[in-house]
Amino acid sequence: MSSRSKVSALLILLAIFACGALFGVGGSFYYLKKKRQQWSERGPRDMYRVQAEKMLARMERSLDLSEEQKIAIKAELDVFSQSMKQLHQDMRPQFRELMSQRTKSIQSHLTPEQSEKFREMRKRHRERNGERKDQKKAEEATSSAASGN
C-alpha cells in the first residue's frame, strides 16, 4: 500500500469519525432540548392533570375498564385534580413565606461580602427564571394562536 493511499484511507476514517461525533453531539443537544421543552410544559398547574391521565391509562390497561367506568373514574380524577390545583394555589403564599424565612436565616450566617454575593446570586436566579417564564408565555401564545384558541 502506497503512502498516498494510506493518507487517503486515514483522511476518510477521520472524516467518518468527525461526522459521527458531530451527529452524536448534535443529536444529544436536540434530545436534551426536546426534553427541556417537555419539562417546561408540565408546570405545577398541569402536573395533576398529567398524573390523572397516566393513572387512568394504567387502570384501563390493568383493569379492563368498561366505557362507563372510564367516564366515571375520569370524572373522579378530574375532581381530584381540581382540588389539588386549588390546594397548590392556597399553599403558595405559605411556601413563599417559608422561602423568605430561609433566605433571611441563611443571610444571618453570612459576612457582609458573602451576603452581597448571595443577593447577586438570587438576583441572577430570578432573572433566569423570569426569562424562562417569558419564553414559555410567548411559546404558549404562539401555539394557542396557531391552534385558533
Protein backbone atom coordinates (compact mmCIF):
# COMPACT_ATOMS: atom_id res chain seq x y z
CA MET A 1 0.00 0.00 0.00
CA SER A 2 1.47 3.32 -1.01
CA SER A 3 1.81 6.20 1.41
CA ARG A 4 -0.69 8.21 -0.61
CA SER A 5 -3.40 5.54 -0.28
CA LYS A 6 -2.64 5.28 3.46
CA VAL A 7 -3.12 9.02 3.85
CA SER A 8 -6.37 8.84 1.84
CA ALA A 9 -7.67 5.99 4.00
CA LEU A 10 -6.70 7.88 7.15
CA LEU A 11 -8.47 11.03 5.92
CA ILE A 12 -11.61 9.05 5.07
CA LEU A 13 -11.62 7.42 8.50
CA LEU A 14 -11.05 10.81 10.12
CA ALA A 15 -13.95 12.32 8.14
CA ILE A 16 -16.25 9.44 9.13
CA PHE A 17 -15.23 9.82 12.77
CA ALA A 18 -15.81 13.60 12.65
CA CYS A 19 -19.28 13.12 11.09
CA GLY A 20 -20.18 10.56 13.75
CA ALA A 21 -19.03 12.88 16.51
CA LEU A 22 -20.97 15.82 15.06
CA PHE A 23 -24.15 13.78 14.68
CA GLY A 24 -23.72 12.37 18.19
CA VAL A 25 -23.26 15.78 19.79
CA GLY A 26 -26.00 17.35 17.67
CA GLY A 27 -28.39 14.52 18.42
CA SER A 28 -27.70 14.82 22.13
CA PHE A 29 -28.38 18.56 22.10
CA TYR A 30 -31.57 18.04 20.12
CA TYR A 31 -32.77 15.34 22.54
CA LEU A 32 -31.99 17.45 25.61
CA LYS A 33 -33.71 20.49 24.09
CA LYS A 34 -36.86 18.46 23.45
CA LYS A 35 -36.76 17.03 26.98
CA ARG A 36 -36.38 20.53 28.44
CA GLN A 37 -39.43 21.67 26.45
CA GLN A 38 -41.42 18.73 27.79
CA TRP A 39 -40.38 19.51 31.36
CA SER A 40 -41.21 23.18 30.98
CA GLU A 41 -44.65 22.34 29.58
CA ARG A 42 -45.50 20.46 32.75
CA GLY A 43 -45.70 23.07 35.43
CA PRO A 44 -47.46 22.57 38.76
CA ARG A 45 -50.74 23.73 37.20
CA ASP A 46 -50.58 20.92 34.64
CA MET A 47 -48.95 18.27 36.79
CA TYR A 48 -52.15 16.96 38.36
CA ARG A 49 -53.91 16.58 35.01
CA VAL A 50 -50.93 14.66 33.61
CA GLN A 51 -50.84 12.39 36.66
CA ALA A 52 -54.58 11.74 36.39
CA GLU A 53 -54.26 10.86 32.69
CA LYS A 54 -51.41 8.45 33.39
CA MET A 55 -53.30 6.84 36.25
CA LEU A 56 -56.40 6.36 34.09
CA ALA A 57 -54.31 4.86 31.28
CA ARG A 58 -52.70 2.38 33.70
CA MET A 59 -56.10 1.46 35.10
CA GLU A 60 -57.52 0.95 31.61
CA ARG A 61 -54.68 -1.42 30.71
CA SER A 62 -54.66 -3.32 34.00
CA LEU A 63 -58.34 -3.50 34.92
CA ASP A 64 -60.06 -3.76 31.54
CA LEU A 65 -62.47 -0.94 32.39
CA SER A 66 -65.79 -0.53 30.64
CA GLU A 67 -66.63 2.77 28.92
CA GLU A 68 -68.93 3.74 31.80
CA GLN A 69 -66.19 3.02 34.33
CA LYS A 70 -63.67 5.06 32.34
CA ILE A 71 -66.04 8.03 32.26
CA ALA A 72 -66.85 7.77 35.98
CA ILE A 73 -63.22 7.34 37.03
CA LYS A 74 -62.09 10.20 34.77
CA ALA A 75 -64.70 12.42 36.42
CA GLU A 76 -63.41 11.43 39.88
CA LEU A 77 -59.83 12.08 38.84
CA ASP A 78 -60.81 15.48 37.41
CA VAL A 79 -62.38 16.44 40.75
CA PHE A 80 -59.20 15.34 42.49
CA SER A 81 -57.03 17.28 40.04
CA GLN A 82 -59.04 20.46 40.58
CA SER A 83 -58.82 20.02 44.36
CA MET A 84 -55.06 19.53 44.17
CA LYS A 85 -54.66 22.62 41.98
CA GLN A 86 -56.67 24.66 44.48
CA LEU A 87 -54.61 23.31 47.38
CA HIS A 88 -51.44 24.16 45.49
CA GLN A 89 -52.67 27.73 44.95
CA ASP A 90 -53.74 28.07 48.58
CA MET A 91 -50.35 26.89 49.82
CA ARG A 92 -48.33 29.14 47.52
CA PRO A 93 -48.27 32.14 49.94
CA GLN A 94 -47.17 29.89 52.80
CA PHE A 95 -44.48 28.40 50.62
CA ARG A 96 -43.19 31.83 49.62
CA GLU A 97 -43.13 32.90 53.26
CA LEU A 98 -41.06 29.84 54.15
CA MET A 99 -38.68 30.60 51.29
CA SER A 100 -38.32 34.17 52.54
CA GLN A 101 -37.59 32.94 56.07
CA ARG A 102 -35.00 30.53 54.68
CA THR A 103 -33.26 33.36 52.84
CA LYS A 104 -33.19 35.56 55.93
CA SER A 105 -31.89 32.69 58.03
CA ILE A 106 -29.09 31.97 55.57
CA GLN A 107 -28.12 35.63 55.37
CA SER A 108 -27.83 35.83 59.16
CA HIS A 109 -24.84 33.46 58.91
CA LEU A 110 -23.03 35.31 56.13
CA THR A 111 -20.47 38.08 56.24
CA PRO A 112 -21.43 41.36 54.53
CA GLU A 113 -19.37 40.41 51.45
CA GLN A 114 -20.93 36.96 51.29
CA SER A 115 -24.36 38.47 51.82
CA GLU A 116 -23.84 40.79 48.84
CA LYS A 117 -22.72 37.85 46.65
CA PHE A 118 -25.72 35.85 47.87
CA ARG A 119 -28.09 38.67 46.87
CA GLU A 120 -26.45 38.81 43.43
CA MET A 121 -26.81 35.03 43.05
CA ARG A 122 -30.50 35.26 43.92
CA LYS A 123 -30.97 38.17 41.53
CA ARG A 124 -29.40 36.22 38.64
CA HIS A 125 -31.55 33.22 39.52
CA ARG A 126 -34.74 35.33 39.47
CA GLU A 127 -33.73 36.88 36.14
CA ARG A 128 -33.11 33.45 34.59
CA ASN A 129 -36.46 32.20 35.86
CA GLY A 130 -38.15 35.35 34.56
CA GLU A 131 -36.63 34.81 31.13
CA ARG A 132 -37.82 31.20 31.13
CA LYS A 133 -41.32 32.24 32.15
CA ASP A 134 -41.40 34.95 29.47
CA GLN A 135 -40.21 32.47 26.86
CA LYS A 136 -42.80 29.92 27.96
CA LYS A 137 -45.60 32.53 27.81
CA ALA A 138 -44.50 33.54 24.32
CA GLU A 139 -44.46 29.90 23.20
CA GLU A 140 -47.91 29.31 24.71
CA ALA A 141 -49.27 32.42 22.99
CA THR A 142 -47.79 31.31 19.67
CA SER A 143 -49.18 27.78 19.99
CA SER A 144 -52.64 28.97 21.06
CA ALA A 145 -52.71 31.49 18.20
CA ALA A 146 -51.71 28.76 15.77
CA SER A 147 -54.42 26.43 17.08
CA GLY A 148 -57.02 29.20 16.89
CA ASN A 149 -57.81 29.38 20.64
